[in-house]
Amino acid sequence: MIHIPRVPNDVVRMKFIPFALKNDAQRWMCGLKVGSIKSWDTFVDIFPERYSRTRKTIGVRNEILCFVQLEHEPFWKNMNMFKELLTQCPHHGLEKCNLRQIAYKSLDVRTRTIVESGWGRISL
């Protein structure tokens, strides 16, 4: 990192932020009010909360929506993996009835038959 005499490292870091960001993150940064981020610590607090959380939420929500049972995977293991996805993203915004539909559609034909016969149960 560059060291300039009598200039704090935080100031140098702040000057490089716009060059380090790309695409959505850069647009987000440019859309902030001038002076809203006054220090490196403020940026470190705000950026992950605003940007990374949104990306993670979208990623996990997509995993939930596209969830499928793997070949030869037991029902209980499939449901545990589905529930693990739900705990990773409790703010996914999906209703419980939709989650049950997603879980049911994720099952292979054999497991669906077991669930329909009453031997298995989808509880979330």
N, C-alpha and C. Protein backbone atom coordinates (compact mmCIF):
# COMPACT_ATOMS: atom_id res chain seq x y z
N MET A 1 0.84 -1.18 0.00
CA MET A 1 0.00 0.00 0.00
C MET A 1 0.89 1.25 0.00
N ILE A 2 0.40 2.27 -0.59
CA ILE A 2 1.13 3.53 -0.67
C ILE A 2 1.12 4.21 0.69
N HIS A 3 2.27 4.72 1.07
CA HIS A 3 2.33 5.50 2.30
C HIS A 3 2.78 6.92 1.95
N ILE A 4 1.91 7.86 2.25
CA ILE A 4 2.22 9.27 2.01
C ILE A 4 2.42 9.92 3.38
N PRO A 5 3.56 10.58 3.58
CA PRO A 5 3.81 11.20 4.88
C PRO A 5 2.69 12.17 5.28
N ARG A 6 2.32 12.13 6.54
CA ARG A 6 1.30 12.99 7.17
C ARG A 6 -0.12 12.79 6.60
N VAL A 7 -0.33 11.70 5.85
CA VAL A 7 -1.68 11.38 5.36
C VAL A 7 -2.06 10.03 5.97
N PRO A 8 -3.11 10.00 6.78
CA PRO A 8 -3.52 8.74 7.41
C PRO A 8 -3.89 7.67 6.38
N ASN A 9 -3.61 6.42 6.72
CA ASN A 9 -3.92 5.30 5.83
C ASN A 9 -5.40 5.26 5.47
N ASP A 10 -6.28 5.63 6.41
CA ASP A 10 -7.72 5.62 6.13
C ASP A 10 -8.08 6.56 4.98
N VAL A 11 -7.43 7.68 4.91
CA VAL A 11 -7.70 8.64 3.83
C VAL A 11 -7.30 8.03 2.49
N VAL A 12 -6.15 7.39 2.45
CA VAL A 12 -5.69 6.74 1.22
C VAL A 12 -6.67 5.63 0.81
N ARG A 13 -7.08 4.83 1.77
CA ARG A 13 -8.05 3.76 1.49
C ARG A 13 -9.34 4.33 0.91
N MET A 14 -9.83 5.40 1.50
CA MET A 14 -11.08 6.02 1.04
C MET A 14 -10.96 6.49 -0.41
N LYS A 15 -9.78 6.99 -0.78
CA LYS A 15 -9.58 7.47 -2.15
C LYS A 15 -9.60 6.32 -3.17
N PHE A 16 -9.22 5.12 -2.72
CA PHE A 16 -9.16 3.97 -3.63
C PHE A 16 -10.48 3.19 -3.74
N ILE A 17 -11.42 3.43 -2.86
CA ILE A 17 -12.69 2.69 -2.88
C ILE A 17 -13.37 2.74 -4.24
N PRO A 18 -13.57 3.89 -4.84
CA PRO A 18 -14.27 3.93 -6.13
C PRO A 18 -13.60 3.08 -7.22
N PHE A 19 -12.29 2.92 -7.15
CA PHE A 19 -11.57 2.13 -8.15
C PHE A 19 -11.66 0.63 -7.88
N ALA A 20 -11.97 0.26 -6.66
CA ALA A 20 -12.05 -1.15 -6.28
C ALA A 20 -13.42 -1.75 -6.54
N LEU A 21 -14.44 -0.92 -6.64
CA LEU A 21 -15.80 -1.41 -6.82
C LEU A 21 -16.16 -1.50 -8.30
N LYS A 22 -17.06 -2.45 -8.60
CA LYS A 22 -17.51 -2.61 -9.99
C LYS A 22 -19.01 -2.80 -10.03
N ASN A 23 -19.59 -2.54 -11.17
CA ASN A 23 -21.00 -2.81 -11.48
C ASN A 23 -21.96 -2.26 -10.43
N ASP A 24 -22.77 -3.15 -9.83
CA ASP A 24 -23.79 -2.71 -8.87
C ASP A 24 -23.18 -1.99 -7.67
N ALA A 25 -22.07 -2.50 -7.18
CA ALA A 25 -21.45 -1.89 -6.01
C ALA A 25 -20.97 -0.47 -6.33
N GLN A 26 -20.45 -0.28 -7.52
CA GLN A 26 -19.99 1.05 -7.91
C GLN A 26 -21.17 2.01 -8.07
N ARG A 27 -22.26 1.52 -8.67
CA ARG A 27 -23.46 2.36 -8.80
C ARG A 27 -24.02 2.72 -7.43
N TRP A 28 -24.00 1.75 -6.51
CA TRP A 28 -24.46 2.01 -5.14
C TRP A 28 -23.62 3.11 -4.51
N MET A 29 -22.31 3.01 -4.63
CA MET A 29 -21.40 3.99 -4.04
C MET A 29 -21.62 5.38 -4.64
N CYS A 30 -21.80 5.44 -5.96
CA CYS A 30 -22.02 6.74 -6.62
C CYS A 30 -23.37 7.34 -6.25
N GLY A 31 -24.31 6.52 -5.86
CA GLY A 31 -25.64 7.00 -5.50
C GLY A 31 -25.75 7.52 -4.08
N LEU A 32 -24.71 7.35 -3.28
CA LEU A 32 -24.74 7.84 -1.89
C LEU A 32 -24.61 9.35 -1.85
N LYS A 33 -25.17 9.95 -0.83
CA LYS A 33 -25.01 11.39 -0.65
C LYS A 33 -23.55 11.71 -0.37
N VAL A 34 -23.11 12.84 -0.90
CA VAL A 34 -21.73 13.28 -0.67
C VAL A 34 -21.50 13.46 0.82
N GLY A 35 -20.43 12.89 1.32
CA GLY A 35 -20.09 13.01 2.73
C GLY A 35 -20.78 12.02 3.64
N SER A 36 -21.56 11.09 3.08
CA SER A 36 -22.27 10.13 3.94
C SER A 36 -21.32 9.07 4.50
N ILE A 37 -20.22 8.84 3.82
CA ILE A 37 -19.18 7.94 4.34
C ILE A 37 -17.95 8.78 4.61
N LYS A 38 -17.66 8.98 5.89
CA LYS A 38 -16.59 9.89 6.27
C LYS A 38 -15.30 9.20 6.69
N SER A 39 -15.37 7.86 6.90
CA SER A 39 -14.17 7.16 7.33
C SER A 39 -14.17 5.73 6.79
N TRP A 40 -13.01 5.12 6.84
CA TRP A 40 -12.87 3.74 6.41
C TRP A 40 -13.74 2.82 7.27
N ASP A 41 -13.77 3.07 8.56
CA ASP A 41 -14.59 2.26 9.46
C ASP A 41 -16.07 2.33 9.12
N THR A 42 -16.55 3.50 8.74
CA THR A 42 -17.94 3.66 8.33
C THR A 42 -18.20 2.82 7.07
N PHE A 43 -17.29 2.89 6.11
CA PHE A 43 -17.44 2.11 4.89
C PHE A 43 -17.46 0.61 5.21
N VAL A 44 -16.55 0.17 6.05
CA VAL A 44 -16.47 -1.25 6.42
C VAL A 44 -17.76 -1.70 7.11
N ASP A 45 -18.41 -0.82 7.84
CA ASP A 45 -19.68 -1.15 8.50
C ASP A 45 -20.84 -1.18 7.51
N ILE A 46 -20.89 -0.20 6.62
CA ILE A 46 -22.03 -0.03 5.72
C ILE A 46 -21.99 -0.97 4.52
N PHE A 47 -20.87 -1.11 3.87
CA PHE A 47 -20.79 -1.86 2.62
C PHE A 47 -21.24 -3.31 2.76
N PRO A 48 -20.68 -4.09 3.67
CA PRO A 48 -21.12 -5.49 3.76
C PRO A 48 -22.60 -5.61 4.11
N GLU A 49 -23.07 -4.74 4.98
CA GLU A 49 -24.48 -4.79 5.39
C GLU A 49 -25.40 -4.50 4.22
N ARG A 50 -25.03 -3.54 3.41
CA ARG A 50 -25.89 -3.12 2.30
C ARG A 50 -25.73 -4.00 1.07
N TYR A 51 -24.50 -4.33 0.73
CA TYR A 51 -24.26 -4.97 -0.55
C TYR A 51 -24.15 -6.49 -0.46
N SER A 52 -23.31 -7.00 0.39
CA SER A 52 -23.08 -8.44 0.46
C SER A 52 -24.30 -9.19 0.94
N ARG A 53 -25.04 -8.66 1.88
CA ARG A 53 -26.22 -9.33 2.40
C ARG A 53 -27.27 -9.52 1.31
N THR A 54 -27.44 -8.51 0.48
CA THR A 54 -28.41 -8.59 -0.61
C THR A 54 -28.01 -9.69 -1.59
N ARG A 55 -26.75 -9.74 -1.94
CA ARG A 55 -26.27 -10.75 -2.88
C ARG A 55 -26.43 -12.15 -2.28
N LYS A 56 -26.09 -12.30 -1.01
CA LYS A 56 -26.23 -13.60 -0.36
C LYS A 56 -27.70 -14.01 -0.31
N THR A 57 -28.58 -13.08 0.04
CA THR A 57 -30.01 -13.37 0.11
C THR A 57 -30.52 -13.85 -1.24
N ILE A 58 -30.13 -13.18 -2.30
CA ILE A 58 -30.57 -13.57 -3.64
C ILE A 58 -30.04 -14.96 -3.98
N GLY A 59 -28.80 -15.22 -3.66
CA GLY A 59 -28.20 -16.53 -3.94
C GLY A 59 -28.89 -17.66 -3.22
N VAL A 60 -29.11 -17.49 -1.92
CA VAL A 60 -29.74 -18.55 -1.13
C VAL A 60 -31.20 -18.71 -1.54
N ARG A 61 -31.87 -17.60 -1.81
CA ARG A 61 -33.28 -17.68 -2.26
C ARG A 61 -33.38 -18.45 -3.57
N ASN A 62 -32.45 -18.22 -4.47
CA ASN A 62 -32.43 -18.98 -5.72
C ASN A 62 -32.17 -20.46 -5.48
N GLU A 63 -31.29 -20.77 -4.53
CA GLU A 63 -31.05 -22.17 -4.17
C GLU A 63 -32.32 -22.82 -3.64
N ILE A 64 -33.08 -22.08 -2.83
CA ILE A 64 -34.34 -22.59 -2.28
C ILE A 64 -35.32 -22.86 -3.42
N LEU A 65 -35.45 -21.91 -4.32
CA LEU A 65 -36.41 -22.03 -5.42
C LEU A 65 -36.05 -23.16 -6.39
N CYS A 66 -34.77 -23.45 -6.54
CA CYS A 66 -34.31 -24.47 -7.49
C CYS A 66 -33.91 -25.78 -6.80
N PHE A 67 -34.30 -25.95 -5.56
CA PHE A 67 -33.89 -27.11 -4.77
C PHE A 67 -34.40 -28.41 -5.38
N VAL A 68 -33.55 -29.43 -5.46
CA VAL A 68 -33.95 -30.76 -5.95
C VAL A 68 -33.30 -31.84 -5.10
N GLN A 69 -33.98 -32.96 -5.03
CA GLN A 69 -33.44 -34.12 -4.32
C GLN A 69 -32.39 -34.78 -5.21
N LEU A 70 -31.25 -35.08 -4.63
CA LEU A 70 -30.19 -35.74 -5.38
C LEU A 70 -30.53 -37.21 -5.58
N GLU A 71 -29.96 -37.80 -6.61
CA GLU A 71 -30.22 -39.21 -6.90
C GLU A 71 -29.78 -40.08 -5.73
N HIS A 72 -30.64 -40.99 -5.31
CA HIS A 72 -30.40 -41.93 -4.20
C HIS A 72 -30.24 -41.23 -2.85
N GLU A 73 -30.68 -39.99 -2.75
CA GLU A 73 -30.60 -39.26 -1.48
C GLU A 73 -31.82 -39.60 -0.64
N PRO A 74 -31.63 -39.99 0.62
CA PRO A 74 -32.78 -40.31 1.47
C PRO A 74 -33.64 -39.07 1.73
N PHE A 75 -34.91 -39.30 1.95
CA PHE A 75 -35.87 -38.23 2.20
C PHE A 75 -35.44 -37.34 3.36
N TRP A 76 -35.04 -37.96 4.48
CA TRP A 76 -34.67 -37.20 5.67
C TRP A 76 -33.48 -36.28 5.40
N LYS A 77 -32.52 -36.78 4.60
CA LYS A 77 -31.35 -35.96 4.29
C LYS A 77 -31.74 -34.79 3.39
N ASN A 78 -32.61 -35.04 2.43
CA ASN A 78 -33.11 -33.99 1.54
C ASN A 78 -33.80 -32.90 2.35
N MET A 79 -34.66 -33.29 3.27
CA MET A 79 -35.39 -32.31 4.08
C MET A 79 -34.45 -31.54 5.00
N ASN A 80 -33.45 -32.22 5.55
CA ASN A 80 -32.48 -31.53 6.41
C ASN A 80 -31.69 -30.48 5.61
N MET A 81 -31.32 -30.81 4.39
CA MET A 81 -30.59 -29.85 3.55
C MET A 81 -31.49 -28.66 3.20
N PHE A 82 -32.76 -28.93 2.93
CA PHE A 82 -33.70 -27.86 2.62
C PHE A 82 -33.87 -26.94 3.83
N LYS A 83 -34.03 -27.53 5.01
CA LYS A 83 -34.18 -26.73 6.23
C LYS A 83 -32.91 -25.92 6.52
N GLU A 84 -31.76 -26.49 6.20
CA GLU A 84 -30.50 -25.77 6.39
C GLU A 84 -30.46 -24.52 5.50
N LEU A 85 -30.93 -24.63 4.27
CA LEU A 85 -31.01 -23.46 3.39
C LEU A 85 -31.92 -22.39 4.01
N LEU A 86 -33.04 -22.83 4.58
CA LEU A 86 -33.98 -21.88 5.18
C LEU A 86 -33.36 -21.16 6.37
N THR A 87 -32.54 -21.86 7.15
CA THR A 87 -31.91 -21.21 8.30
C THR A 87 -30.78 -20.26 7.87
N GLN A 88 -30.18 -20.52 6.72
CA GLN A 88 -29.14 -19.61 6.21
C GLN A 88 -29.72 -18.28 5.79
N CYS A 89 -31.00 -18.29 5.44
CA CYS A 89 -31.63 -17.07 4.93
C CYS A 89 -33.05 -16.95 5.48
N PRO A 90 -33.19 -16.62 6.77
CA PRO A 90 -34.53 -16.55 7.36
C PRO A 90 -35.38 -15.42 6.79
N HIS A 91 -34.78 -14.48 6.09
CA HIS A 91 -35.50 -13.35 5.50
C HIS A 91 -35.73 -13.58 4.00
N HIS A 92 -35.94 -14.84 3.60
CA HIS A 92 -36.12 -15.20 2.19
C HIS A 92 -37.42 -14.67 1.60
N GLY A 93 -38.41 -14.36 2.41
CA GLY A 93 -39.65 -13.76 1.93
C GLY A 93 -40.65 -14.73 1.32
N LEU A 94 -40.45 -16.02 1.51
CA LEU A 94 -41.37 -17.02 0.96
C LEU A 94 -42.34 -17.51 2.04
N GLU A 95 -43.60 -17.65 1.67
CA GLU A 95 -44.62 -18.14 2.60
C GLU A 95 -44.42 -19.63 2.85
N LYS A 96 -44.90 -20.09 4.02
CA LYS A 96 -44.74 -21.49 4.38
C LYS A 96 -45.40 -22.43 3.37
N CYS A 97 -46.58 -22.06 2.87
CA CYS A 97 -47.24 -22.92 1.88
C CYS A 97 -46.42 -23.03 0.60
N ASN A 98 -45.75 -21.94 0.20
CA ASN A 98 -44.86 -21.99 -0.98
C ASN A 98 -43.65 -22.87 -0.72
N LEU A 99 -43.13 -22.79 0.50
CA LEU A 99 -41.98 -23.62 0.85
C LEU A 99 -42.32 -25.10 0.80
N ARG A 100 -43.53 -25.45 1.26
CA ARG A 100 -43.97 -26.85 1.19
C ARG A 100 -44.08 -27.32 -0.25
N GLN A 101 -44.59 -26.45 -1.13
CA GLN A 101 -44.68 -26.80 -2.55
C GLN A 101 -43.30 -27.00 -3.15
N ILE A 102 -42.37 -26.13 -2.82
CA ILE A 102 -41.01 -26.24 -3.33
C ILE A 102 -40.39 -27.55 -2.85
N ALA A 103 -40.56 -27.84 -1.56
CA ALA A 103 -40.00 -29.07 -1.00
C ALA A 103 -40.61 -30.30 -1.67
N TYR A 104 -41.91 -30.28 -1.89
CA TYR A 104 -42.59 -31.41 -2.52
C TYR A 104 -42.11 -31.59 -3.97
N LYS A 105 -42.04 -30.49 -4.71
CA LYS A 105 -41.60 -30.57 -6.11
C LYS A 105 -40.14 -30.99 -6.24
N SER A 106 -39.37 -30.80 -5.18
CA SER A 106 -37.96 -31.17 -5.22
C SER A 106 -37.75 -32.68 -5.14
N LEU A 107 -38.76 -33.42 -4.70
CA LEU A 107 -38.62 -34.85 -4.47
C LEU A 107 -38.63 -35.65 -5.77
N ASP A 108 -37.91 -36.76 -5.75
CA ASP A 108 -37.99 -37.66 -6.90
C ASP A 108 -39.31 -38.44 -6.83
N VAL A 109 -39.64 -39.16 -7.89
CA VAL A 109 -40.93 -39.84 -8.01
C VAL A 109 -41.13 -40.84 -6.87
N ARG A 110 -40.12 -41.61 -6.57
CA ARG A 110 -40.22 -42.64 -5.51
C ARG A 110 -40.53 -41.99 -4.16
N THR A 111 -39.83 -40.92 -3.83
CA THR A 111 -40.04 -40.26 -2.54
C THR A 111 -41.39 -39.57 -2.50
N ARG A 112 -41.83 -39.00 -3.61
CA ARG A 112 -43.17 -38.39 -3.66
C ARG A 112 -44.24 -39.43 -3.33
N THR A 113 -44.07 -40.63 -3.87
CA THR A 113 -45.03 -41.71 -3.61
C THR A 113 -45.07 -42.03 -2.12
N ILE A 114 -43.92 -42.06 -1.49
CA ILE A 114 -43.85 -42.33 -0.05
C ILE A 114 -44.56 -41.23 0.73
N VAL A 115 -44.31 -39.99 0.36
CA VAL A 115 -44.95 -38.86 1.05
C VAL A 115 -46.47 -38.91 0.85
N GLU A 116 -46.89 -39.17 -0.36
CA GLU A 116 -48.32 -39.22 -0.67
C GLU A 116 -49.04 -40.36 0.04
N SER A 117 -48.31 -41.47 0.28
CA SER A 117 -48.93 -42.61 0.97
C SER A 117 -49.03 -42.40 2.48
N GLY A 118 -48.43 -41.34 2.96
CA GLY A 118 -48.52 -41.05 4.39
C GLY A 118 -47.34 -41.50 5.21
N TRP A 119 -46.35 -42.13 4.58
CA TRP A 119 -45.18 -42.62 5.32
C TRP A 119 -44.15 -41.52 5.54
N GLY A 120 -44.20 -40.50 4.74
CA GLY A 120 -43.30 -39.38 4.92
C GLY A 120 -44.09 -38.11 5.14
N ARG A 121 -43.49 -37.14 5.76
CA ARG A 121 -44.20 -35.90 6.05
C ARG A 121 -43.29 -34.71 5.84
N ILE A 122 -43.80 -33.71 5.14
CA ILE A 122 -43.03 -32.48 4.92
C ILE A 122 -43.44 -31.49 5.99
N SER A 123 -42.60 -31.32 6.96
CA SER A 123 -42.90 -30.32 8.01
C SER A 123 -41.77 -29.31 8.04
N LEU A 124 -42.15 -28.07 8.01
CA LEU A 124 -41.14 -27.00 8.00
C LEU A 124 -41.26 -26.13 9.23
